[in-house]
Amino acid sequence: IVDGMCRRFVKLYGPEARKEPLPYSVFVAMLRLEQTLGVMIGGRIMAPSHIFWVSFFAAMCVSRQTGYRKAEVGVPDGHEFNTCHLSRASVAWRIGGKVITDPTKEQLRALKEGDVALIHSPPMKNDQYGDKYGVYPSYLAYYADCDSAAYRLAQLELLYECRGPARRRTPLFCSSEGVAMSHSVLDNTLKAMLLRVLQDENEAIKYSWHSFRIALACGCLKVLGNTPETRATIQAVCRWATQESLKVYARLEANVADIVKDAARVDFSSVLVANLV
């Protein structure tokens, strides 16, 4: 059945129909849209202090540095948020060398370089029970810059304080208070931002939410080089289901935060056949 679906896809769109890694320059240009106060983007007025935009920018930065798929960031349309989705409890912090799972505002305001956000990955298509990758956190280095996933998560925590048992019941990324972002909201908002930045629909359609994941893999390859050992590390960082990746992932430590920080800032010049326009 899957083979048949793949053949049908190729007949409709061609074998070259694939998305590109999102260039860092485009990524940063989208982040800077938060400075365009009052502008309508994707049917919503840009208001950087609104929970929707704080959540959306955090979701972008987290996806850039973890390689999360859209399915891991948001909730399918028509479905309810549940314990299989990213929640506020999915995020812990290592502040001053101490792991904190329920941070106060004072602790979050004290964050500095060297501190780390740790995200517990939700169940995903190649780990449906969360027993492969869900037991290992993704490490996100804190630095006070617009492209820092840990910085964005801290801003979200400070804006929308959530303590104790409520953290498990609260979606990590929200369209409004307590309401998880849906897949269509993620797609439509990203498309609107790409169109505004690129001013060219033919360029914008080269990218989707999956472009964050592609960019992480390509960026890691540029940062680490292409050797059997580094390829296995990249597989581990991106949580690809192979025996080799599992072995390497079990050995990853907090210094991986520096790898993904550098990888997330890589730009790309390669292009797929489908996008030679």
C-alpha atoms as a PDB file:
ATOM      1  CA  ILE A   1       0.000   0.000   0.000  1.00  0.00           C
ATOM      2  CA  VAL A   2       2.796   2.394   0.917  1.00  0.00           C
ATOM      3  CA  ASP A   3       4.675   1.596  -2.299  1.00  0.00           C
ATOM      4  CA  GLY A   4       1.520   2.327  -4.268  1.00  0.00           C
ATOM      5  CA  MET A   5       1.083   5.671  -2.539  1.00  0.00           C
ATOM      6  CA  CYS A   6       4.710   6.559  -3.284  1.00  0.00           C
ATOM      7  CA  ARG A   7       4.291   5.677  -6.961  1.00  0.00           C
ATOM      8  CA  ARG A   8       1.156   7.811  -7.129  1.00  0.00           C
ATOM      9  CA  PHE A   9       3.028  10.727  -5.529  1.00  0.00           C
ATOM     10  CA  VAL A  10       5.853  10.446  -8.071  1.00  0.00           C
ATOM     11  CA  LYS A  11       3.353  10.383 -10.958  1.00  0.00           C
ATOM     12  CA  LEU A  12       1.631  13.504  -9.676  1.00  0.00           C
ATOM     13  CA  TYR A  13       4.604  15.600  -8.591  1.00  0.00           C
ATOM     14  CA  GLY A  14       7.689  13.955 -10.080  1.00  0.00           C
ATOM     15  CA  PRO A  15      10.560  12.181  -8.330  1.00  0.00           C
ATOM     16  CA  GLU A  16      12.286  15.491  -7.649  1.00  0.00           C
ATOM     17  CA  ALA A  17       9.459  17.028  -5.549  1.00  0.00           C
ATOM     18  CA  ARG A  18      11.183  17.619  -2.227  1.00  0.00           C
ATOM     19  CA  LYS A  19      11.575  20.525   0.185  1.00  0.00           C
ATOM     20  CA  GLU A  20      14.786  22.476   0.751  1.00  0.00           C
ATOM     21  CA  PRO A  21      16.597  23.177   4.034  1.00  0.00           C
ATOM     22  CA  LEU A  22      15.514  26.593   5.287  1.00  0.00           C
ATOM     23  CA  PRO A  23      18.446  29.020   4.861  1.00  0.00           C
ATOM     24  CA  TYR A  24      19.588  30.714   8.037  1.00  0.00           C
ATOM     25  CA  SER A  25      19.235  34.132   6.409  1.00  0.00           C
ATOM     26  CA  VAL A  26      15.546  33.457   5.647  1.00  0.00           C
ATOM     27  CA  PHE A  27      15.026  32.026   9.118  1.00  0.00           C
ATOM     28  CA  VAL A  28      16.413  35.164  10.769  1.00  0.00           C
ATOM     29  CA  ALA A  29      14.396  37.413   8.436  1.00  0.00           C
ATOM     30  CA  MET A  30      11.234  35.637   9.612  1.00  0.00           C
ATOM     31  CA  LEU A  31      12.227  36.076  13.256  1.00  0.00           C
ATOM     32  CA  ARG A  32      12.682  39.800  12.653  1.00  0.00           C
ATOM     33  CA  LEU A  33       9.060  40.068  11.551  1.00  0.00           C
ATOM     34  CA  GLU A  34       8.240  40.391  15.262  1.00  0.00           C
ATOM     35  CA  GLN A  35       9.500  43.957  14.932  1.00  0.00           C
ATOM     36  CA  THR A  36       6.721  44.782  12.446  1.00  0.00           C
ATOM     37  CA  LEU A  37       4.151  45.726  15.074  1.00  0.00           C
ATOM     38  CA  GLY A  38       0.534  45.854  13.970  1.00  0.00           C
ATOM     39  CA  VAL A  39       1.136  44.185  10.592  1.00  0.00           C
ATOM     40  CA  MET A  40      -1.268  41.419   9.558  1.00  0.00           C
ATOM     41  CA  ILE A  41       0.489  38.101   8.915  1.00  0.00           C
ATOM     42  CA  GLY A  42      -1.508  34.972   8.205  1.00  0.00           C
ATOM     43  CA  GLY A  43      -4.707  36.555   9.438  1.00  0.00           C
ATOM     44  CA  ARG A  44      -3.165  37.615  12.770  1.00  0.00           C
ATOM     45  CA  ILE A  45      -1.834  40.997  13.853  1.00  0.00           C
ATOM     46  CA  MET A  46       1.821  40.883  14.811  1.00  0.00           C
ATOM     47  CA  ALA A  47       2.056  41.495  18.542  1.00  0.00           C
ATOM     48  CA  PRO A  48       5.325  40.076  19.945  1.00  0.00           C
ATOM     49  CA  SER A  49       4.003  39.940  23.494  1.00  0.00           C
ATOM     50  CA  HIS A  50       0.917  37.877  22.547  1.00  0.00           C
ATOM     51  CA  ILE A  51       1.100  34.223  23.525  1.00  0.00           C
ATOM     52  CA  PHE A  52       0.456  33.117  19.931  1.00  0.00           C
ATOM     53  CA  TRP A  53       3.522  34.867  18.527  1.00  0.00           C
ATOM     54  CA  VAL A  54       5.752  34.057  21.497  1.00  0.00           C
ATOM     55  CA  SER A  55       4.757  30.402  21.058  1.00  0.00           C
ATOM     56  CA  PHE A  56       5.154  30.427  17.289  1.00  0.00           C
ATOM     57  CA  PHE A  57       8.629  31.951  17.316  1.00  0.00           C
ATOM     58  CA  ALA A  58       9.626  29.506  20.062  1.00  0.00           C
ATOM     59  CA  ALA A  59       8.273  26.603  17.989  1.00  0.00           C
ATOM     60  CA  MET A  60      10.328  27.746  14.989  1.00  0.00           C
ATOM     61  CA  CYS A  61      13.533  28.018  16.999  1.00  0.00           C
ATOM     62  CA  VAL A  62      12.992  24.717  18.801  1.00  0.00           C
ATOM     63  CA  SER A  63      12.332  22.942  15.489  1.00  0.00           C
ATOM     64  CA  ARG A  64      15.459  24.516  14.015  1.00  0.00           C
ATOM     65  CA  GLN A  65      17.613  23.126  16.836  1.00  0.00           C
ATOM     66  CA  THR A  66      15.895  19.792  17.503  1.00  0.00           C
ATOM     67  CA  GLY A  67      14.658  18.800  14.049  1.00  0.00           C
ATOM     68  CA  TYR A  68      11.140  18.237  15.360  1.00  0.00           C
ATOM     69  CA  ARG A  69       8.554  17.444  12.742  1.00  0.00           C
ATOM     70  CA  LYS A  70       5.279  19.366  12.568  1.00  0.00           C
ATOM     71  CA  ALA A  71       3.587  16.327  14.128  1.00  0.00           C
ATOM     72  CA  GLU A  72       5.785  16.710  17.199  1.00  0.00           C
ATOM     73  CA  VAL A  73       5.334  20.466  17.576  1.00  0.00           C
ATOM     74  CA  GLY A  74       1.579  20.765  17.079  1.00  0.00           C
ATOM     75  CA  VAL A  75      -1.660  18.819  17.386  1.00  0.00           C
ATOM     76  CA  PRO A  76      -3.497  17.418  14.324  1.00  0.00           C
ATOM     77  CA  ASP A  77      -6.578  19.382  13.335  1.00  0.00           C
ATOM     78  CA  GLY A  78      -9.681  17.983  15.005  1.00  0.00           C
ATOM     79  CA  HIS A  79      -7.704  16.244  17.743  1.00  0.00           C
ATOM     80  CA  GLU A  80      -7.480  17.126  21.419  1.00  0.00           C
ATOM     81  CA  PHE A  81      -4.221  17.844  23.210  1.00  0.00           C
ATOM     82  CA  ASN A  82      -3.148  14.866  25.334  1.00  0.00           C
ATOM     83  CA  THR A  83      -0.200  13.375  27.195  1.00  0.00           C
ATOM     84  CA  CYS A  84       1.451  12.277  23.928  1.00  0.00           C
ATOM     85  CA  HIS A  85       2.058  15.904  22.905  1.00  0.00           C
ATOM     86  CA  LEU A  86       4.721  18.377  23.973  1.00  0.00           C
ATOM     87  CA  SER A  87       3.678  20.080  27.191  1.00  0.00           C
ATOM     88  CA  ARG A  88       5.271  22.613  29.469  1.00  0.00           C
ATOM     89  CA  ALA A  89       6.445  19.654  31.560  1.00  0.00           C
ATOM     90  CA  SER A  90       8.446  18.476  28.528  1.00  0.00           C
ATOM     91  CA  VAL A  91      10.919  21.283  29.263  1.00  0.00           C
ATOM     92  CA  ALA A  92      13.406  21.205  32.119  1.00  0.00           C
ATOM     93  CA  TRP A  93      16.286  23.578  32.754  1.00  0.00           C
ATOM     94  CA  ARG A  94      19.870  23.178  33.869  1.00  0.00           C
ATOM     95  CA  ILE A  95      20.638  26.473  35.584  1.00  0.00           C
ATOM     96  CA  GLY A  96      23.974  26.935  37.295  1.00  0.00           C
ATOM     97  CA  GLY A  97      24.619  23.204  36.966  1.00  0.00           C
ATOM     98  CA  LYS A  98      21.367  22.241  38.709  1.00  0.00           C
ATOM     99  CA  VAL A  99      18.455  20.592  36.881  1.00  0.00           C
ATOM    100  CA  ILE A 100      15.139  22.353  37.556  1.00  0.00           C
ATOM    101  CA  THR A 101      11.834  20.951  36.315  1.00  0.00           C
ATOM    102  CA  ASP A 102       9.508  23.623  37.736  1.00  0.00           C
ATOM    103  CA  PRO A 103      11.363  26.951  37.424  1.00  0.00           C
ATOM    104  CA  THR A 104      10.352  30.198  39.087  1.00  0.00           C
ATOM    105  CA  LYS A 105      10.454  33.511  37.240  1.00  0.00           C
ATOM    106  CA  GLU A 106      13.473  34.500  39.308  1.00  0.00           C
ATOM    107  CA  GLN A 107      15.366  31.379  38.184  1.00  0.00           C
ATOM    108  CA  LEU A 108      14.433  31.989  34.541  1.00  0.00           C
ATOM    109  CA  ARG A 109      15.540  35.612  34.710  1.00  0.00           C
ATOM    110  CA  ALA A 110      18.892  34.388  36.052  1.00  0.00           C
ATOM    111  CA  LEU A 111      19.608  32.307  32.929  1.00  0.00           C
ATOM    112  CA  LYS A 112      22.988  32.948  31.331  1.00  0.00           C
ATOM    113  CA  GLU A 113      25.309  31.418  28.774  1.00  0.00           C
ATOM    114  CA  GLY A 114      26.316  27.959  29.916  1.00  0.00           C
ATOM    115  CA  ASP A 115      22.797  27.128  31.060  1.00  0.00           C
ATOM    116  CA  VAL A 116      20.738  24.660  29.031  1.00  0.00           C
ATOM    117  CA  ALA A 117      17.110  23.863  28.263  1.00  0.00           C
ATOM    118  CA  LEU A 118      16.341  20.148  28.090  1.00  0.00           C
ATOM    119  CA  ILE A 119      13.349  18.942  26.060  1.00  0.00           C
ATOM    120  CA  HIS A 120      11.861  15.481  26.466  1.00  0.00           C
ATOM    121  CA  SER A 121      10.751  14.420  22.994  1.00  0.00           C
ATOM    122  CA  PRO A 122       7.145  13.259  22.578  1.00  0.00           C
ATOM    123  CA  PRO A 123       6.191   9.992  20.862  1.00  0.00           C
ATOM    124  CA  MET A 124       6.859  10.255  17.125  1.00  0.00           C
ATOM    125  CA  LYS A 125       6.349   8.223  13.996  1.00  0.00           C
ATOM    126  CA  ASN A 126       9.576   6.229  14.467  1.00  0.00           C
ATOM    127  CA  ASP A 127       9.142   6.001  18.254  1.00  0.00           C
ATOM    128  CA  GLN A 128       5.417   5.682  18.842  1.00  0.00           C
ATOM    129  CA  TYR A 129       5.747   4.685  22.487  1.00  0.00           C
ATOM    130  CA  GLY A 130       8.473   7.144  23.443  1.00  0.00           C
ATOM    131  CA  ASP A 131      10.784   4.390  24.664  1.00  0.00           C
ATOM    132  CA  LYS A 132      13.644   5.048  22.208  1.00  0.00           C
ATOM    133  CA  TYR A 133      14.152   8.804  22.002  1.00  0.00           C
ATOM    134  CA  GLY A 134      11.711   9.955  24.648  1.00  0.00           C
ATOM    135  CA  VAL A 135      14.092   8.783  27.366  1.00  0.00           C
ATOM    136  CA  TYR A 136      16.866  11.127  26.188  1.00  0.00           C
ATOM    137  CA  PRO A 137      16.520  14.924  26.254  1.00  0.00           C
ATOM    138  CA  SER A 138      17.508  17.317  23.493  1.00  0.00           C
ATOM    139  CA  TYR A 139      20.000  19.897  24.756  1.00  0.00           C
ATOM    140  CA  LEU A 140      19.483  23.542  23.814  1.00  0.00           C
ATOM    141  CA  ALA A 141      22.184  26.038  24.758  1.00  0.00           C
ATOM    142  CA  TYR A 142      20.946  29.277  26.298  1.00  0.00           C
ATOM    143  CA  TYR A 143      22.177  32.509  24.735  1.00  0.00           C
ATOM    144  CA  ALA A 144      20.277  35.775  24.609  1.00  0.00           C
ATOM    145  CA  ASP A 145      19.721  36.071  20.864  1.00  0.00           C
ATOM    146  CA  CYS A 146      16.628  35.973  18.670  1.00  0.00           C
ATOM    147  CA  ASP A 147      17.501  32.565  17.155  1.00  0.00           C
ATOM    148  CA  SER A 148      18.106  30.830  20.499  1.00  0.00           C
ATOM    149  CA  ALA A 149      15.540  28.107  21.191  1.00  0.00           C
ATOM    150  CA  ALA A 150      16.315  28.150  24.916  1.00  0.00           C
ATOM    151  CA  TYR A 151      15.962  31.941  25.031  1.00  0.00           C
ATOM    152  CA  ARG A 152      12.583  31.722  23.266  1.00  0.00           C
ATOM    153  CA  LEU A 153      11.387  29.009  25.647  1.00  0.00           C
ATOM    154  CA  ALA A 154      12.400  31.168  28.610  1.00  0.00           C
ATOM    155  CA  GLN A 155      10.403  34.088  27.190  1.00  0.00           C
ATOM    156  CA  LEU A 156       7.408  31.777  26.832  1.00  0.00           C
ATOM    157  CA  GLU A 157       7.796  30.576  30.429  1.00  0.00           C
ATOM    158  CA  LEU A 158       8.047  34.163  31.691  1.00  0.00           C
ATOM    159  CA  LEU A 159       5.049  35.395  29.698  1.00  0.00           C
ATOM    160  CA  TYR A 160       2.763  32.492  30.550  1.00  0.00           C
ATOM    161  CA  GLU A 161       3.797  31.179  33.958  1.00  0.00           C
ATOM    162  CA  CYS A 162       2.857  27.573  34.565  1.00  0.00           C
ATOM    163  CA  ARG A 163       3.833  25.761  37.747  1.00  0.00           C
ATOM    164  CA  GLY A 164       3.418  22.371  39.350  1.00  0.00           C
ATOM    165  CA  PRO A 165       1.013  19.716  37.984  1.00  0.00           C
ATOM    166  CA  ALA A 166      -0.445  22.249  35.524  1.00  0.00           C
ATOM    167  CA  ARG A 167       2.740  21.977  33.458  1.00  0.00           C
ATOM    168  CA  ARG A 168       1.757  18.475  32.345  1.00  0.00           C
ATOM    169  CA  ARG A 169      -1.707  19.619  31.296  1.00  0.00           C
ATOM    170  CA  THR A 170      -0.545  22.692  29.383  1.00  0.00           C
ATOM    171  CA  PRO A 171       0.539  22.566  25.702  1.00  0.00           C
ATOM    172  CA  LEU A 172       4.054  23.835  25.146  1.00  0.00           C
ATOM    173  CA  PHE A 173       3.071  25.898  22.093  1.00  0.00           C
ATOM    174  CA  CYS A 174      -0.301  27.634  22.283  1.00  0.00           C
ATOM    175  CA  SER A 175      -2.520  29.548  19.855  1.00  0.00           C
ATOM    176  CA  SER A 176      -4.226  31.040  22.882  1.00  0.00           C
ATOM    177  CA  GLU A 177      -3.969  30.354  26.571  1.00  0.00           C
ATOM    178  CA  GLY A 178      -4.242  26.595  27.085  1.00  0.00           C
ATOM    179  CA  VAL A 179      -5.057  25.857  23.410  1.00  0.00           C
ATOM    180  CA  ALA A 180      -2.447  23.859  21.495  1.00  0.00           C
ATOM    181  CA  MET A 181      -1.316  24.995  18.047  1.00  0.00           C
ATOM    182  CA  SER A 182      -2.847  22.898  15.282  1.00  0.00           C
ATOM    183  CA  HIS A 183      -1.029  21.630  12.213  1.00  0.00           C
ATOM    184  CA  SER A 184      -2.993  23.933   9.904  1.00  0.00           C
ATOM    185  CA  VAL A 185      -2.111  26.965  12.038  1.00  0.00           C
ATOM    186  CA  LEU A 186       1.581  26.037  11.931  1.00  0.00           C
ATOM    187  CA  ASP A 187       1.472  25.513   8.150  1.00  0.00           C
ATOM    188  CA  ASN A 188      -0.547  28.602   7.291  1.00  0.00           C
ATOM    189  CA  THR A 189       1.427  30.960   9.512  1.00  0.00           C
ATOM    190  CA  LEU A 190       4.767  29.679   8.245  1.00  0.00           C
ATOM    191  CA  LYS A 191       3.602  30.059   4.641  1.00  0.00           C
ATOM    192  CA  ALA A 192       2.452  33.627   5.288  1.00  0.00           C
ATOM    193  CA  MET A 193       5.778  34.529   6.886  1.00  0.00           C
ATOM    194  CA  LEU A 194       7.756  32.977   4.026  1.00  0.00           C
ATOM    195  CA  LEU A 195       5.714  34.904   1.458  1.00  0.00           C
ATOM    196  CA  ARG A 196       6.241  38.167   3.317  1.00  0.00           C
ATOM    197  CA  VAL A 197       9.995  37.640   3.605  1.00  0.00           C
ATOM    198  CA  LEU A 198      10.681  36.163   0.158  1.00  0.00           C
ATOM    199  CA  GLN A 199       8.060  38.124  -1.811  1.00  0.00           C
ATOM    200  CA  ASP A 200       7.924  35.246  -4.274  1.00  0.00           C
ATOM    201  CA  GLU A 201       5.482  32.341  -4.121  1.00  0.00           C
ATOM    202  CA  ASN A 202       7.729  30.137  -6.270  1.00  0.00           C
ATOM    203  CA  GLU A 203      10.469  30.585  -3.685  1.00  0.00           C
ATOM    204  CA  ALA A 204       8.180  30.178  -0.684  1.00  0.00           C
ATOM    205  CA  ILE A 205       6.817  26.797  -1.799  1.00  0.00           C
ATOM    206  CA  LYS A 206      10.328  25.329  -1.624  1.00  0.00           C
ATOM    207  CA  TYR A 207      10.008  25.272   2.169  1.00  0.00           C
ATOM    208  CA  SER A 208       7.712  23.728   4.756  1.00  0.00           C
ATOM    209  CA  TRP A 209       7.898  22.921   8.461  1.00  0.00           C
ATOM    210  CA  HIS A 210      10.030  19.911   7.518  1.00  0.00           C
ATOM    211  CA  SER A 211      12.662  22.340   6.195  1.00  0.00           C
ATOM    212  CA  PHE A 212      13.723  22.973   9.810  1.00  0.00           C
ATOM    213  CA  ARG A 213      14.547  19.278  10.187  1.00  0.00           C
ATOM    214  CA  ILE A 214      16.389  19.163   6.859  1.00  0.00           C
ATOM    215  CA  ALA A 215      18.359  22.274   7.837  1.00  0.00           C
ATOM    216  CA  LEU A 216      19.482  20.706  11.123  1.00  0.00           C
ATOM    217  CA  ALA A 217      20.769  17.586   9.357  1.00  0.00           C
ATOM    218  CA  CYS A 218      22.548  19.599   6.645  1.00  0.00           C
ATOM    219  CA  GLY A 219      23.923  22.060   9.191  1.00  0.00           C
ATOM    220  CA  CYS A 220      25.306  19.277  11.386  1.00  0.00           C
ATOM    221  CA  LEU A 221      26.996  17.786   8.338  1.00  0.00           C
ATOM    222  CA  LYS A 222      28.732  21.094   7.610  1.00  0.00           C
ATOM    223  CA  VAL A 223      29.736  21.638  11.236  1.00  0.00           C
ATOM    224  CA  LEU A 224      30.915  18.097  11.964  1.00  0.00           C
ATOM    225  CA  GLY A 225      32.100  16.931   8.550  1.00  0.00           C
ATOM    226  CA  ASN A 226      31.214  13.771   6.662  1.00  0.00           C
ATOM    227  CA  THR A 227      32.714  10.696   8.305  1.00  0.00           C
ATOM    228  CA  PRO A 228      31.118   7.425   9.441  1.00  0.00           C
ATOM    229  CA  GLU A 229      31.277   8.594  13.064  1.00  0.00           C
ATOM    230  CA  THR A 230      29.795  12.057  12.410  1.00  0.00           C
ATOM    231  CA  ARG A 231      27.068  10.614  10.179  1.00  0.00           C
ATOM    232  CA  ALA A 232      26.021   8.424  13.094  1.00  0.00           C
ATOM    233  CA  THR A 233      26.020  11.460  15.407  1.00  0.00           C
ATOM    234  CA  ILE A 234      23.824  13.374  12.970  1.00  0.00           C
ATOM    235  CA  GLN A 235      21.431  10.429  12.831  1.00  0.00           C
ATOM    236  CA  ALA A 236      21.316  10.524  16.610  1.00  0.00           C
ATOM    237  CA  VAL A 237      20.704  14.268  16.855  1.00  0.00           C
ATOM    238  CA  CYS A 238      17.878  13.995  14.306  1.00  0.00           C
ATOM    239  CA  ARG A 239      16.502  10.844  15.941  1.00  0.00           C
ATOM    240  CA  TRP A 240      16.606   8.616  12.863  1.00  0.00           C
ATOM    241  CA  ALA A 241      15.629   5.052  13.710  1.00  0.00           C
ATOM    242  CA  THR A 242      18.730   2.996  13.014  1.00  0.00           C
ATOM    243  CA  GLN A 243      20.757   0.730  15.262  1.00  0.00           C
ATOM    244  CA  GLU A 244      23.837   2.934  14.852  1.00  0.00           C
ATOM    245  CA  SER A 245      21.983   6.100  15.819  1.00  0.00           C
ATOM    246  CA  LEU A 246      20.648   4.540  18.994  1.00  0.00           C
ATOM    247  CA  LYS A 247      24.151   3.560  20.096  1.00  0.00           C
ATOM    248  CA  VAL A 248      25.521   7.065  19.506  1.00  0.00           C
ATOM    249  CA  TYR A 249      22.492   8.826  20.969  1.00  0.00           C
ATOM    250  CA  ALA A 250      22.959   7.010  24.249  1.00  0.00           C
ATOM    251  CA  ARG A 251      26.406   8.610  24.512  1.00  0.00           C
ATOM    252  CA  LEU A 252      25.420  12.177  23.684  1.00  0.00           C
ATOM    253  CA  GLU A 253      26.031  14.662  26.482  1.00  0.00           C
ATOM    254  CA  ALA A 254      25.158  18.303  27.075  1.00  0.00           C
ATOM    255  CA  ASN A 255      27.952  19.500  24.730  1.00  0.00           C
ATOM    256  CA  VAL A 256      25.635  18.534  21.854  1.00  0.00           C
ATOM    257  CA  ALA A 257      23.930  21.862  22.602  1.00  0.00           C
ATOM    258  CA  ASP A 258      26.916  23.649  21.077  1.00  0.00           C
ATOM    259  CA  ILE A 259      26.747  21.429  17.985  1.00  0.00           C
ATOM    260  CA  VAL A 260      23.108  22.202  17.281  1.00  0.00           C
ATOM    261  CA  LYS A 261      23.644  25.908  18.029  1.00  0.00           C
ATOM    262  CA  ASP A 262      26.315  26.076  15.320  1.00  0.00           C
ATOM    263  CA  ALA A 263      24.384  23.805  12.964  1.00  0.00           C
ATOM    264  CA  ALA A 264      21.276  25.984  13.245  1.00  0.00           C
ATOM    265  CA  ARG A 265      23.266  28.985  11.985  1.00  0.00           C
ATOM    266  CA  VAL A 266      24.536  27.324   8.809  1.00  0.00           C
ATOM    267  CA  ASP A 267      23.370  28.648   5.444  1.00  0.00           C
ATOM    268  CA  PHE A 268      23.056  26.564   2.272  1.00  0.00           C
ATOM    269  CA  SER A 269      23.831  27.050  -1.408  1.00  0.00           C
ATOM    270  CA  SER A 270      22.842  23.623  -2.771  1.00  0.00           C
ATOM    271  CA  VAL A 271      19.497  23.187  -4.496  1.00  0.00           C
ATOM    272  CA  LEU A 272      17.302  20.283  -5.595  1.00  0.00           C
ATOM    273  CA  VAL A 273      16.423  19.682  -9.252  1.00  0.00           C
ATOM    274  CA  ALA A 274      12.788  20.618  -8.634  1.00  0.00           C
ATOM    275  CA  ASN A 275      13.791  24.052  -7.402  1.00  0.00           C
ATOM    276  CA  LEU A 276      16.059  25.068 -10.271  1.00  0.00           C
ATOM    277  CA  VAL A 277      13.904  28.010 -11.304  1.00  0.00           C
END
